[in-house]
Amino acid sequence: MNEILFRLELGPLALVITGWKLVGYIGVILFAGRWVVQLIASRRAGRPVMPRSFWYMSVAGSLLLLTYFIIGKNDSVGVLSNLFPAFTAAYNLWLDIKHRSASAA
């Protein structure tokens, strides 16, 4: 996973992409993109809304970032900064599923 997949030269800057960086980038895109999903859902509802896809994206993004920081980078700061959001997102997803199934019954 540390092999270079591709390298992009941008003048004096070089962007080097490895498998682990790809995992990290996908995690960041999911984790940041959840706010776009939340914005769209809120605009449609005309009030603040947290759609279930927000929590799925939070869990997936956090787990990918944790994987990147634990295995790919061995970076304790990155692990600590993503551990709590992963737990919180998983808990909120569980609450949302529990609440919706209880109200459906």
N, C-alpha and C. Protein backbone atom coordinates (compact mmCIF):
# COMPACT_ATOMS: atom_id res chain seq x y z
N MET A 1 0.82 -1.20 0.00
CA MET A 1 0.00 0.00 0.00
C MET A 1 0.86 1.26 0.00
N ASN A 2 2.16 1.12 0.22
CA ASN A 2 3.04 2.28 0.21
C ASN A 2 3.70 2.53 -1.14
N GLU A 3 3.37 1.66 -2.12
CA GLU A 3 3.92 1.87 -3.45
C GLU A 3 3.25 3.08 -4.09
N ILE A 4 4.00 3.81 -4.89
CA ILE A 4 3.46 4.99 -5.56
C ILE A 4 2.53 4.55 -6.68
N LEU A 5 1.28 5.02 -6.61
CA LEU A 5 0.30 4.71 -7.65
C LEU A 5 0.46 5.68 -8.81
N PHE A 6 0.61 6.94 -8.50
CA PHE A 6 0.94 7.94 -9.52
C PHE A 6 1.52 9.18 -8.86
N ARG A 7 2.19 9.96 -9.69
CA ARG A 7 2.86 11.18 -9.22
C ARG A 7 2.47 12.29 -10.19
N LEU A 8 2.03 13.42 -9.62
CA LEU A 8 1.62 14.56 -10.42
C LEU A 8 2.53 15.73 -10.10
N GLU A 9 3.23 16.22 -11.11
CA GLU A 9 4.13 17.36 -10.95
C GLU A 9 3.37 18.65 -11.25
N LEU A 10 3.36 19.56 -10.28
CA LEU A 10 2.71 20.86 -10.45
C LEU A 10 3.76 21.94 -10.24
N GLY A 11 4.60 22.13 -11.22
CA GLY A 11 5.71 23.08 -11.07
C GLY A 11 6.66 22.59 -10.00
N PRO A 12 6.91 23.41 -8.98
CA PRO A 12 7.82 22.99 -7.92
C PRO A 12 7.18 21.99 -6.93
N LEU A 13 5.87 21.82 -7.01
CA LEU A 13 5.17 20.90 -6.12
C LEU A 13 4.96 19.56 -6.80
N ALA A 14 5.05 18.50 -6.01
CA ALA A 14 4.79 17.16 -6.53
C ALA A 14 3.77 16.49 -5.63
N LEU A 15 2.72 15.93 -6.23
CA LEU A 15 1.70 15.20 -5.50
C LEU A 15 1.95 13.72 -5.73
N VAL A 16 2.29 13.01 -4.67
CA VAL A 16 2.58 11.59 -4.74
C VAL A 16 1.43 10.84 -4.08
N ILE A 17 0.80 9.94 -4.83
CA ILE A 17 -0.34 9.19 -4.32
C ILE A 17 0.06 7.73 -4.13
N THR A 18 -0.11 7.26 -2.88
CA THR A 18 0.08 5.85 -2.54
C THR A 18 -1.29 5.27 -2.20
N GLY A 19 -1.34 3.98 -1.99
CA GLY A 19 -2.59 3.34 -1.59
C GLY A 19 -3.12 3.91 -0.28
N TRP A 20 -2.22 4.11 0.69
CA TRP A 20 -2.66 4.64 1.98
C TRP A 20 -3.15 6.08 1.86
N LYS A 21 -2.50 6.87 1.02
CA LYS A 21 -2.98 8.24 0.82
C LYS A 21 -4.36 8.24 0.19
N LEU A 22 -4.59 7.30 -0.72
CA LEU A 22 -5.90 7.18 -1.35
C LEU A 22 -6.97 6.86 -0.30
N VAL A 23 -6.66 5.95 0.63
CA VAL A 23 -7.57 5.65 1.74
C VAL A 23 -7.85 6.91 2.55
N GLY A 24 -6.80 7.66 2.86
CA GLY A 24 -6.96 8.90 3.62
C GLY A 24 -7.78 9.94 2.88
N TYR A 25 -7.52 10.10 1.58
CA TYR A 25 -8.28 11.08 0.79
C TYR A 25 -9.76 10.71 0.71
N ILE A 26 -10.05 9.44 0.52
CA ILE A 26 -11.45 9.01 0.46
C ILE A 26 -12.13 9.26 1.81
N GLY A 27 -11.41 8.98 2.90
CA GLY A 27 -11.96 9.27 4.23
C GLY A 27 -12.25 10.74 4.43
N VAL A 28 -11.33 11.60 3.99
CA VAL A 28 -11.52 13.05 4.12
C VAL A 28 -12.70 13.51 3.26
N ILE A 29 -12.81 12.98 2.05
CA ILE A 29 -13.91 13.36 1.17
C ILE A 29 -15.26 12.96 1.78
N LEU A 30 -15.34 11.74 2.34
CA LEU A 30 -16.58 11.31 3.00
C LEU A 30 -16.88 12.17 4.22
N PHE A 31 -15.86 12.38 5.05
CA PHE A 31 -16.06 13.11 6.30
C PHE A 31 -16.44 14.57 6.04
N ALA A 32 -15.84 15.19 5.05
CA ALA A 32 -16.18 16.58 4.72
C ALA A 32 -17.47 16.64 3.90
N GLY A 33 -17.68 15.67 3.03
CA GLY A 33 -18.86 15.66 2.16
C GLY A 33 -20.16 15.47 2.90
N ARG A 34 -20.09 14.94 4.11
CA ARG A 34 -21.32 14.75 4.88
C ARG A 34 -22.01 16.08 5.15
N TRP A 35 -21.22 17.17 5.23
CA TRP A 35 -21.82 18.49 5.46
C TRP A 35 -22.56 18.98 4.23
N VAL A 36 -22.12 18.59 3.05
CA VAL A 36 -22.85 18.92 1.82
C VAL A 36 -24.20 18.19 1.82
N VAL A 37 -24.18 16.93 2.21
CA VAL A 37 -25.40 16.14 2.31
C VAL A 37 -26.36 16.77 3.31
N GLN A 38 -25.83 17.20 4.46
CA GLN A 38 -26.65 17.82 5.50
C GLN A 38 -27.23 19.14 5.00
N LEU A 39 -26.44 19.92 4.29
CA LEU A 39 -26.90 21.20 3.75
C LEU A 39 -28.05 21.00 2.76
N ILE A 40 -27.89 20.04 1.87
CA ILE A 40 -28.94 19.76 0.87
C ILE A 40 -30.23 19.30 1.56
N ALA A 41 -30.11 18.40 2.53
CA ALA A 41 -31.29 17.90 3.25
C ALA A 41 -31.98 19.03 4.01
N SER A 42 -31.21 19.91 4.62
CA SER A 42 -31.79 21.03 5.36
C SER A 42 -32.48 22.02 4.43
N ARG A 43 -31.87 22.28 3.30
CA ARG A 43 -32.50 23.21 2.33
C ARG A 43 -33.83 22.64 1.84
N ARG A 44 -33.86 21.35 1.58
CA ARG A 44 -35.10 20.71 1.10
C ARG A 44 -36.18 20.74 2.17
N ALA A 45 -35.79 20.53 3.44
CA ALA A 45 -36.76 20.49 4.55
C ALA A 45 -37.12 21.89 5.03
N GLY A 46 -36.29 22.87 4.74
CA GLY A 46 -36.54 24.22 5.21
C GLY A 46 -36.23 24.41 6.69
N ARG A 47 -35.51 23.47 7.26
CA ARG A 47 -35.09 23.51 8.66
C ARG A 47 -33.86 22.62 8.83
N PRO A 48 -33.13 22.77 9.92
CA PRO A 48 -31.95 21.92 10.11
C PRO A 48 -32.34 20.44 10.23
N VAL A 49 -31.70 19.61 9.43
CA VAL A 49 -31.98 18.18 9.40
C VAL A 49 -30.66 17.42 9.37
N MET A 50 -30.60 16.30 10.06
CA MET A 50 -29.45 15.40 10.00
C MET A 50 -29.91 14.09 9.37
N PRO A 51 -29.74 13.92 8.05
CA PRO A 51 -30.19 12.68 7.42
C PRO A 51 -29.31 11.49 7.85
N ARG A 52 -29.86 10.31 7.76
CA ARG A 52 -29.12 9.12 8.16
C ARG A 52 -27.83 8.97 7.35
N SER A 53 -27.85 9.39 6.09
CA SER A 53 -26.64 9.29 5.26
C SER A 53 -25.50 10.12 5.85
N PHE A 54 -25.82 11.20 6.58
CA PHE A 54 -24.80 12.00 7.27
C PHE A 54 -24.03 11.11 8.25
N TRP A 55 -24.77 10.30 9.02
CA TRP A 55 -24.11 9.45 10.02
C TRP A 55 -23.34 8.30 9.36
N TYR A 56 -23.89 7.74 8.27
CA TYR A 56 -23.15 6.69 7.55
C TYR A 56 -21.84 7.24 7.00
N MET A 57 -21.90 8.44 6.42
CA MET A 57 -20.68 9.06 5.88
C MET A 57 -19.71 9.39 7.00
N SER A 58 -20.22 9.80 8.16
CA SER A 58 -19.37 10.10 9.31
C SER A 58 -18.63 8.85 9.79
N VAL A 59 -19.37 7.76 9.93
CA VAL A 59 -18.76 6.50 10.39
C VAL A 59 -17.73 6.02 9.37
N ALA A 60 -18.11 5.97 8.09
CA ALA A 60 -17.20 5.48 7.06
C ALA A 60 -15.96 6.36 6.95
N GLY A 61 -16.15 7.67 6.93
CA GLY A 61 -15.01 8.59 6.83
C GLY A 61 -14.09 8.46 8.03
N SER A 62 -14.66 8.39 9.23
CA SER A 62 -13.85 8.25 10.44
C SER A 62 -13.07 6.95 10.44
N LEU A 63 -13.73 5.85 10.05
CA LEU A 63 -13.04 4.55 10.05
C LEU A 63 -11.92 4.52 9.01
N LEU A 64 -12.16 5.11 7.84
CA LEU A 64 -11.09 5.17 6.83
C LEU A 64 -9.93 6.02 7.33
N LEU A 65 -10.23 7.16 7.95
CA LEU A 65 -9.16 8.01 8.48
C LEU A 65 -8.43 7.33 9.62
N LEU A 66 -9.17 6.63 10.48
CA LEU A 66 -8.50 5.88 11.56
C LEU A 66 -7.56 4.81 10.98
N THR A 67 -8.03 4.10 9.96
CA THR A 67 -7.20 3.09 9.31
C THR A 67 -5.94 3.73 8.73
N TYR A 68 -6.13 4.87 8.06
CA TYR A 68 -4.99 5.57 7.48
C TYR A 68 -4.00 5.99 8.56
N PHE A 69 -4.48 6.58 9.64
CA PHE A 69 -3.58 7.07 10.68
C PHE A 69 -2.98 5.95 11.52
N ILE A 70 -3.69 4.84 11.71
CA ILE A 70 -3.15 3.73 12.50
C ILE A 70 -2.14 2.91 11.69
N ILE A 71 -2.57 2.45 10.52
CA ILE A 71 -1.73 1.54 9.74
C ILE A 71 -0.83 2.28 8.74
N GLY A 72 -1.42 3.23 8.02
CA GLY A 72 -0.67 3.91 6.98
C GLY A 72 0.36 4.90 7.48
N LYS A 73 0.04 5.66 8.52
CA LYS A 73 0.94 6.72 8.99
C LYS A 73 1.55 6.47 10.36
N ASN A 74 0.92 5.62 11.18
CA ASN A 74 1.34 5.42 12.57
C ASN A 74 1.42 6.78 13.28
N ASP A 75 0.31 7.53 13.21
CA ASP A 75 0.24 8.90 13.71
C ASP A 75 -0.78 8.98 14.84
N SER A 76 -0.30 9.11 16.07
CA SER A 76 -1.20 9.12 17.22
C SER A 76 -2.09 10.36 17.26
N VAL A 77 -1.62 11.48 16.74
CA VAL A 77 -2.44 12.70 16.71
C VAL A 77 -3.65 12.48 15.79
N GLY A 78 -3.43 11.91 14.64
CA GLY A 78 -4.53 11.61 13.72
C GLY A 78 -5.50 10.60 14.29
N VAL A 79 -4.97 9.60 15.01
CA VAL A 79 -5.83 8.61 15.64
C VAL A 79 -6.72 9.28 16.68
N LEU A 80 -6.12 10.08 17.55
CA LEU A 80 -6.90 10.75 18.60
C LEU A 80 -7.92 11.72 18.02
N SER A 81 -7.58 12.39 16.94
CA SER A 81 -8.52 13.36 16.37
C SER A 81 -9.68 12.70 15.63
N ASN A 82 -9.59 11.41 15.34
CA ASN A 82 -10.67 10.72 14.64
C ASN A 82 -11.35 9.64 15.46
N LEU A 83 -10.81 9.32 16.61
CA LEU A 83 -11.40 8.27 17.44
C LEU A 83 -12.73 8.72 18.03
N PHE A 84 -12.78 9.89 18.63
CA PHE A 84 -14.02 10.37 19.23
C PHE A 84 -15.11 10.61 18.18
N PRO A 85 -14.81 11.26 17.04
CA PRO A 85 -15.87 11.41 16.03
C PRO A 85 -16.40 10.07 15.53
N ALA A 86 -15.55 9.05 15.42
CA ALA A 86 -16.02 7.73 14.97
C ALA A 86 -17.00 7.15 15.98
N PHE A 87 -16.66 7.22 17.27
CA PHE A 87 -17.55 6.72 18.31
C PHE A 87 -18.87 7.49 18.33
N THR A 88 -18.78 8.82 18.26
CA THR A 88 -19.96 9.67 18.31
C THR A 88 -20.88 9.42 17.11
N ALA A 89 -20.30 9.31 15.93
CA ALA A 89 -21.10 9.06 14.73
C ALA A 89 -21.77 7.69 14.79
N ALA A 90 -21.05 6.67 15.25
CA ALA A 90 -21.63 5.33 15.38
C ALA A 90 -22.77 5.33 16.39
N TYR A 91 -22.59 6.02 17.50
CA TYR A 91 -23.63 6.11 18.52
C TYR A 91 -24.86 6.84 17.98
N ASN A 92 -24.65 7.96 17.29
CA ASN A 92 -25.78 8.70 16.73
C ASN A 92 -26.49 7.91 15.64
N LEU A 93 -25.76 7.16 14.85
CA LEU A 93 -26.37 6.30 13.84
C LEU A 93 -27.22 5.24 14.51
N TRP A 94 -26.70 4.63 15.57
CA TRP A 94 -27.46 3.62 16.32
C TRP A 94 -28.74 4.23 16.90
N LEU A 95 -28.64 5.43 17.48
CA LEU A 95 -29.82 6.11 18.02
C LEU A 95 -30.85 6.40 16.92
N ASP A 96 -30.38 6.85 15.75
CA ASP A 96 -31.28 7.17 14.64
C ASP A 96 -32.00 5.92 14.17
N ILE A 97 -31.28 4.82 14.01
CA ILE A 97 -31.90 3.56 13.58
C ILE A 97 -32.90 3.09 14.63
N LYS A 98 -32.51 3.14 15.88
CA LYS A 98 -33.40 2.71 17.00
C LYS A 98 -34.66 3.58 17.05
N HIS A 99 -34.50 4.89 16.93
CA HIS A 99 -35.63 5.81 17.01
C HIS A 99 -36.59 5.60 15.84
N ARG A 100 -36.05 5.48 14.64
CA ARG A 100 -36.92 5.32 13.46
C ARG A 100 -37.64 3.99 13.48
N SER A 101 -36.98 2.92 13.97
CA SER A 101 -37.66 1.63 14.01
C SER A 101 -38.73 1.62 15.10
N ALA A 102 -38.50 2.34 16.20
CA ALA A 102 -39.49 2.42 17.28
C ALA A 102 -40.70 3.24 16.83
N SER A 103 -40.46 4.32 16.07
CA SER A 103 -41.58 5.15 15.63
C SER A 103 -42.33 4.51 14.48
N ALA A 104 -41.71 3.58 13.77
CA ALA A 104 -42.38 2.87 12.68
C ALA A 104 -43.30 1.79 13.23
N ALA A 105 -42.99 1.31 14.42
CA ALA A 105 -43.78 0.22 15.01
C ALA A 105 -45.08 0.70 15.62
